Protein backbone atom coordinates (compact mmCIF):
# COMPACT_ATOMS: atom_id res chain seq x y z
CA MET A 1 21.77 104.17 49.03
CA ASN A 2 22.20 100.61 48.71
CA ARG A 3 25.17 100.65 46.00
CA LEU A 4 26.94 103.81 48.00
CA LEU A 5 27.23 101.64 51.13
CA VAL A 6 28.54 99.19 49.10
CA VAL A 7 31.32 101.37 47.61
CA LEU A 8 32.28 103.10 51.14
CA LEU A 9 32.68 99.37 52.60
CA THR A 10 35.03 97.89 49.66
CA ALA A 11 37.01 101.66 49.55
CA ILE A 12 37.96 101.22 53.71
CA ALA A 13 38.33 97.60 53.48
CA LEU A 14 40.99 98.25 50.04
CA LEU A 15 42.63 101.26 52.35
CA ALA A 16 42.75 99.03 55.54
CA THR A 17 44.26 96.35 53.61
CA GLY A 18 47.41 98.81 51.71
CA CYS A 19 47.93 100.05 55.37
CA GLY A 20 48.46 96.48 57.11
CA GLY A 21 50.95 95.62 53.94
CA THR A 22 53.04 98.62 54.21
CA GLY A 23 53.26 98.29 57.91
CA SER A 24 54.32 95.07 57.54
CA ASP A 25 57.04 95.93 55.21
CA SER A 26 58.03 98.71 56.63
CA GLY A 27 58.43 96.97 59.98
CA SER A 28 59.82 93.71 58.80
CA ALA A 29 62.83 95.76 56.24
CA PRO A 30 64.88 97.26 59.48
CA SER A 31 65.29 94.11 60.96
CA ALA A 32 66.82 92.42 57.60
CA SER A 33 69.15 94.96 56.67
CA MET A 34 70.16 96.07 60.55
CA PRO A 35 74.24 96.14 60.75
CA PRO A 36 76.23 94.31 63.40
CA SER A 37 75.98 95.69 66.80
CA PRO A 38 79.35 98.33 67.07
CA SER A 39 79.78 97.48 70.85
CA LEU A 40 81.00 94.06 69.68
CA ALA A 41 82.58 94.85 66.70
CA ASP A 42 84.75 97.20 68.83
CA GLY A 43 85.16 94.90 71.65
CA THR A 44 86.41 92.50 68.99
CA ARG A 45 89.10 94.92 67.51
CA GLU A 46 90.15 95.73 71.12
CA SER A 47 90.96 92.21 72.27
CA ALA A 48 94.24 92.18 70.08
CA PRO A 49 95.84 94.36 71.85
CA ALA A 50 95.38 93.29 75.57
CA ASP A 51 96.73 90.22 74.21
CA THR A 52 99.62 91.72 72.69
CA GLN A 53 100.28 93.68 75.78
CA ALA A 54 99.84 91.11 77.77
CA THR A 55 102.78 88.96 76.29
CA ASP A 56 105.35 91.82 76.32
CA ARG A 57 106.76 90.68 79.70
CA LYS A 58 110.03 92.49 81.01
CA GLU A 59 112.53 89.57 83.05
CA ILE A 60 115.88 90.15 84.65
CA VAL A 61 117.88 86.62 83.87
CA THR A 62 120.83 85.45 85.97
CA GLY A 63 123.00 82.61 85.88
CA HIS A 64 125.76 80.79 87.33
CA LEU A 65 127.57 78.21 85.42
CA MET A 66 130.30 75.71 87.11
CA ILE A 67 132.74 74.16 84.67
CA THR A 68 135.59 71.60 85.71
CA ALA A 69 138.75 72.03 82.85
CA ASP A 70 142.01 70.98 83.09
CA ASP A 71 143.80 74.98 82.26
CA PRO A 72 140.77 76.86 83.81
CA ILE A 73 142.76 80.10 82.51
CA ALA A 74 143.19 79.24 78.90
CA VAL A 75 139.20 77.76 79.20
CA GLY A 76 138.46 81.45 80.73
CA ARG A 77 139.93 83.24 77.54
CA GLN A 78 137.62 81.01 75.73
CA VAL A 79 135.11 82.14 77.28
CA VAL A 80 135.72 86.05 76.90
CA THR A 81 135.87 85.25 73.04
CA ILE A 82 132.35 83.20 72.83
CA VAL A 83 130.71 86.34 74.82
CA GLU A 84 131.87 88.89 72.58
CA ASP A 85 131.27 87.42 69.59
CA SER A 86 127.21 86.99 71.03
CA GLY A 87 127.61 91.02 71.28
CA GLY A 88 128.00 90.77 75.23
CA ARG A 89 130.81 92.05 77.50
CA VAL A 90 132.85 90.82 80.17
CA ASP A 91 132.42 92.61 83.29
CA SER A 92 134.95 91.08 85.76
CA VAL A 93 137.89 88.31 85.72
CA THR A 94 139.53 86.44 88.67
CA GLU A 95 142.13 84.02 87.91
CA GLN A 96 144.21 81.60 89.75
CA PRO A 97 146.59 79.89 87.88
CA GLY A 98 146.55 76.27 87.76
CA ILE A 99 143.27 76.58 90.33
CA SER A 100 140.36 78.66 89.05
CA SER A 101 139.15 81.06 86.19
CA VAL A 102 136.21 83.15 87.49
CA LEU A 103 134.37 85.38 85.26
CA THR A 104 131.00 87.68 85.11
CA VAL A 105 129.60 88.23 82.02
CA ARG A 106 126.79 90.37 80.45
CA VAL A 107 125.07 88.15 77.50
CA PRO A 108 122.26 89.27 75.24
CA ALA A 109 119.07 88.11 76.90
CA ASP A 110 117.62 86.61 73.47
CA ARG A 111 121.33 84.84 72.69
CA LEU A 112 121.55 83.50 76.52
CA GLU A 113 120.82 80.06 75.65
CA GLY A 114 122.99 79.74 72.90
CA THR A 115 125.89 81.16 74.58
CA ILE A 116 125.45 78.60 77.19
CA ASP A 117 125.22 76.20 75.10
CA GLU A 118 128.41 76.84 73.23
CA LEU A 119 129.96 77.35 76.57
CA ARG A 120 128.97 73.56 77.46
CA GLY A 121 131.71 72.49 75.25
CA LEU A 122 134.42 74.04 76.72
CA GLY A 123 134.47 71.35 79.72
CA GLU A 124 132.30 69.25 82.39
CA VAL A 125 129.57 71.14 83.15
CA THR A 126 129.19 70.92 86.88
CA SER A 127 126.55 73.01 87.88
CA LEU A 128 123.81 75.64 85.98
CA THR A 129 121.64 77.39 87.70
CA THR A 130 119.17 80.72 85.87
CA THR A 131 116.82 82.74 88.06
CA ARG A 132 114.47 84.89 86.00
CA ASP A 133 112.90 87.98 88.10
CA ASP A 134 109.63 89.84 86.21
CA VAL A 135 110.06 93.37 86.52
CA THR A 136 107.03 94.31 83.86
CA LEU A 137 104.95 96.28 86.37
CA GLN A 138 107.89 98.15 87.42
CA TYR A 139 109.21 98.85 84.48
CA THR A 140 105.35 100.57 83.43
CA ASP A 141 105.23 102.39 86.22
CA LEU A 142 108.65 103.91 85.41
CA GLU A 143 107.43 104.74 81.92
CA ALA A 144 103.97 105.78 82.98
CA ARG A 145 105.74 108.32 85.37
CA ILE A 146 108.29 109.54 83.06
CA SER A 147 105.84 110.29 80.50
CA ALA A 148 103.59 112.36 83.03
CA LEU A 149 107.02 114.33 84.38
CA GLN A 150 107.85 115.01 80.78
CA ALA A 151 104.57 116.77 80.36
CA SER A 152 104.70 118.55 83.64
CA VAL A 153 108.38 119.83 82.24
CA ASP A 154 106.76 121.07 78.70
CA ARG A 155 104.01 122.91 80.96
CA LEU A 156 106.10 124.89 82.76
CA ARG A 157 108.67 125.76 80.33
CA ALA A 158 105.81 126.66 78.17
CA LEU A 159 104.62 128.94 81.43
CA MET A 160 108.37 130.63 81.65
CA GLU A 161 108.25 131.73 78.48
CA SER A 162 104.85 133.92 79.03
CA ALA A 163 105.68 134.70 82.17
CA ALA A 164 104.47 138.24 83.20
CA ASN A 165 106.65 139.05 85.86
CA THR A 166 109.71 137.94 87.94
CA ALA A 167 107.84 136.43 90.59
CA ASP A 168 105.85 134.18 88.50
CA LEU A 169 109.24 133.60 86.31
CA ILE A 170 111.00 132.39 89.82
CA GLU A 171 108.25 130.00 90.88
CA ALA A 172 108.16 128.50 87.75
CA GLU A 173 112.02 128.19 87.42
CA ASN A 174 112.37 126.60 91.14
CA ALA A 175 109.43 124.11 89.91
CA LEU A 176 110.65 123.34 86.87
CA ALA A 177 113.80 122.64 88.98
CA ASP A 178 112.37 120.05 90.97
CA ARG A 179 110.58 118.24 88.22
CA GLN A 180 113.49 118.15 85.99
CA ALA A 181 115.68 116.67 88.83
CA GLU A 182 112.89 113.61 89.63
CA LEU A 183 112.56 113.06 85.53
CA ASP A 184 116.73 112.82 85.70
CA SER A 185 116.70 110.17 88.40
CA LEU A 186 113.76 108.45 87.24
CA THR A 187 115.28 108.48 83.52
CA ALA A 188 118.29 107.20 84.76
CA GLN A 189 116.77 103.79 87.03
CA GLN A 190 114.75 103.00 83.55
CA ARG A 191 118.30 103.32 82.20
CA TYR A 192 119.79 100.91 84.39
CA LEU A 193 116.61 98.66 84.25
CA SER A 194 116.73 98.29 80.88
CA ASP A 195 120.12 97.77 80.29
CA GLN A 196 119.42 94.72 83.09
CA ILE A 197 116.55 93.76 81.04
CA ASP A 198 118.94 93.63 77.68
CA LEU A 199 121.90 91.92 79.16
CA SER A 200 121.67 89.05 80.99
CA THR A 201 124.19 88.53 83.81
CA LEU A 202 126.01 85.21 83.96
CA THR A 203 128.89 84.08 86.03
CA VAL A 204 130.87 81.50 84.75
CA ASP A 205 133.00 79.42 87.49
CA ILE A 206 135.80 77.66 85.77
CA SER A 207 138.00 75.30 88.42
CA ALA A 208 140.46 72.44 87.91
CA GLU A 209 138.97 70.23 90.47
CA PRO A 210 135.32 69.53 90.92
CA ARG A 211 133.48 71.59 93.30
CA ARG A 212 130.58 72.20 95.13
CA PRO A 213 128.44 75.49 94.56
CA ASP A 214 128.70 76.86 97.95
CA ASP A 215 132.62 76.03 97.87
CA ARG A 216 134.53 78.95 98.71
CA ASP A 217 136.65 80.44 95.42
CA SER A 218 138.91 82.77 97.51
CA PHE A 219 140.03 84.77 100.20
CA TRP A 220 137.68 87.32 99.41
CA ASP A 221 134.70 85.62 99.09
CA GLY A 222 135.49 83.97 102.24
CA VAL A 223 135.61 88.07 103.62
CA LEU A 224 132.26 88.40 102.19
CA ALA A 225 130.96 85.15 103.96
CA GLY A 226 132.02 86.21 106.95
CA TRP A 227 130.51 89.58 106.72
CA ASP A 228 127.19 88.07 106.09
CA ASN A 229 127.47 86.09 108.91
CA LEU A 230 128.15 89.01 111.00
CA ARG A 231 125.27 90.96 109.55
CA SER A 232 123.42 88.49 110.60
CA ALA A 233 124.34 87.85 114.11
CA ILE A 234 124.18 91.60 114.60
CA GLY A 235 120.50 91.61 113.33
CA ASP A 236 119.93 88.96 115.48
CA SER A 237 120.82 90.35 118.53
CA ILE A 238 119.07 93.49 117.98
CA VAL A 239 116.43 91.64 117.76
CA ALA A 240 116.84 89.97 120.86
CA LEU A 241 118.01 92.71 122.65
CA GLY A 242 114.36 94.45 121.52
CA VAL A 243 112.45 91.36 123.36
CA ALA A 244 114.65 91.80 126.50
CA LEU A 245 114.38 95.65 126.69
CA PRO A 246 111.24 96.16 128.73
CA TRP A 247 111.84 92.90 130.72
CA ILE A 248 115.15 94.52 131.45
CA VAL A 249 113.60 98.27 132.52
CA PHE A 250 111.12 96.57 134.56
CA PHE A 251 113.85 94.59 136.71
CA LEU A 252 115.43 98.06 136.84
CA LEU A 253 112.50 99.98 137.95
CA GLY A 254 111.75 97.15 140.64
CA ALA A 255 115.38 97.29 141.97
CA GLY A 256 115.36 100.94 142.25
CA ILE A 257 112.18 101.36 144.19
CA VAL A 258 112.81 98.54 146.65
CA TYR A 259 116.65 100.52 146.91
CA LEU A 260 114.83 103.36 148.00
CA ILE A 261 112.50 101.69 150.32
CA VAL A 262 115.16 100.29 152.04
CA ARG A 263 117.30 103.47 152.34
CA LEU A 264 114.21 105.29 153.77
CA LEU A 265 113.13 102.75 156.25
CA ALA A 266 116.90 103.07 157.49
CA ARG A 267 116.86 106.70 157.80
CA ILE A 268 113.53 106.29 159.95
CA GLY A 269 115.44 104.30 162.41
CA ARG A 270 118.43 106.53 163.06
CA ARG A 271 116.28 108.87 163.80
CA ARG A 272 113.98 107.11 166.81
CA PRO A 273 116.42 106.35 169.97
CA GLY A 274 115.72 103.42 171.39
CA THR A 275 114.77 101.60 168.44
CA PRO A 276 115.78 98.05 167.81
CA GLY A 277 118.78 97.59 165.89
CA THR A 278 120.09 101.30 167.05
CA PRO A 279 123.09 101.34 169.52
CA ALA A 280 122.04 102.50 172.87
CA GLU A 281 124.20 105.16 174.39
CA THR A 282 126.41 104.07 177.17
CA PRO A 283 127.85 105.87 179.85
CA ASP A 284 131.74 106.26 179.81
CA GLU A 285 133.19 102.95 181.81
CA ASN A 286 136.43 105.23 182.96
CA PRO A 287 135.01 108.97 184.05
CA LYS A 288 137.39 111.41 184.27
CA VAL A 289 137.64 112.46 187.96
CA GLU A 290 138.63 115.88 188.14
CA ALA A 291 141.45 116.68 190.49
CA ASP A 292 140.25 118.23 194.09
CA ASP A 293 142.92 121.39 194.76
CA ASP A 294 142.50 120.86 198.09
């Protein structure tokens, strides 16, 4: 009996030891072979495109370069050659022989600085200003709207092909015409914006005598400056009139009320005989004497 009890206790002890070892091995194995968190790995992969998109900026660059040279016309022609060699174009030229030459040129944005460096060698640079306008959000918004409208246009065309009756076909055609017109307008805006981004605008002002940046170049420049001043003055006058209008209306209404009261009192005074200020009736100083037939 004692032997049987010892055998049973020994068997129970061996089973308990075996289960405990198996549990500890099974619990430690997964922790050793556990792969890295997929969320962290995915986050690391997605951060690179975000940084790449952040650096993709859309900018419109404009500049104004003033140069003093002995022969502005000849230097202006050299400017045309330099701009065309850089892949740009000349939009306008205004020449005054012996006085000045003003050119508006378009230069590829990535070659603007190199082109300006070449233009510096044509004379004495008296002024240089450049302005950068970030239009990244505007360009991205146009892209998104164009993509959405293009998808809508494609769906409407597919709907027209599967239209079951004439009414559905006409309705789809009307909707397609509206969406297509809006799509064409947005596409034109995107083309214009892309042209402004790809080609920087540079005004090259060449003169025989040094000038300040605010000097007038020609009669037309004076006309434009006068027109701007006139528009500004008209705008200020309209604002002043808007400020004074309530007061003007108030005084006109007050003057009208006072006038009506005075007229009313004057009319009442005429109707009452013997009222002070009303002329009294007087008998005729020279009455007619009727001749007596007798």
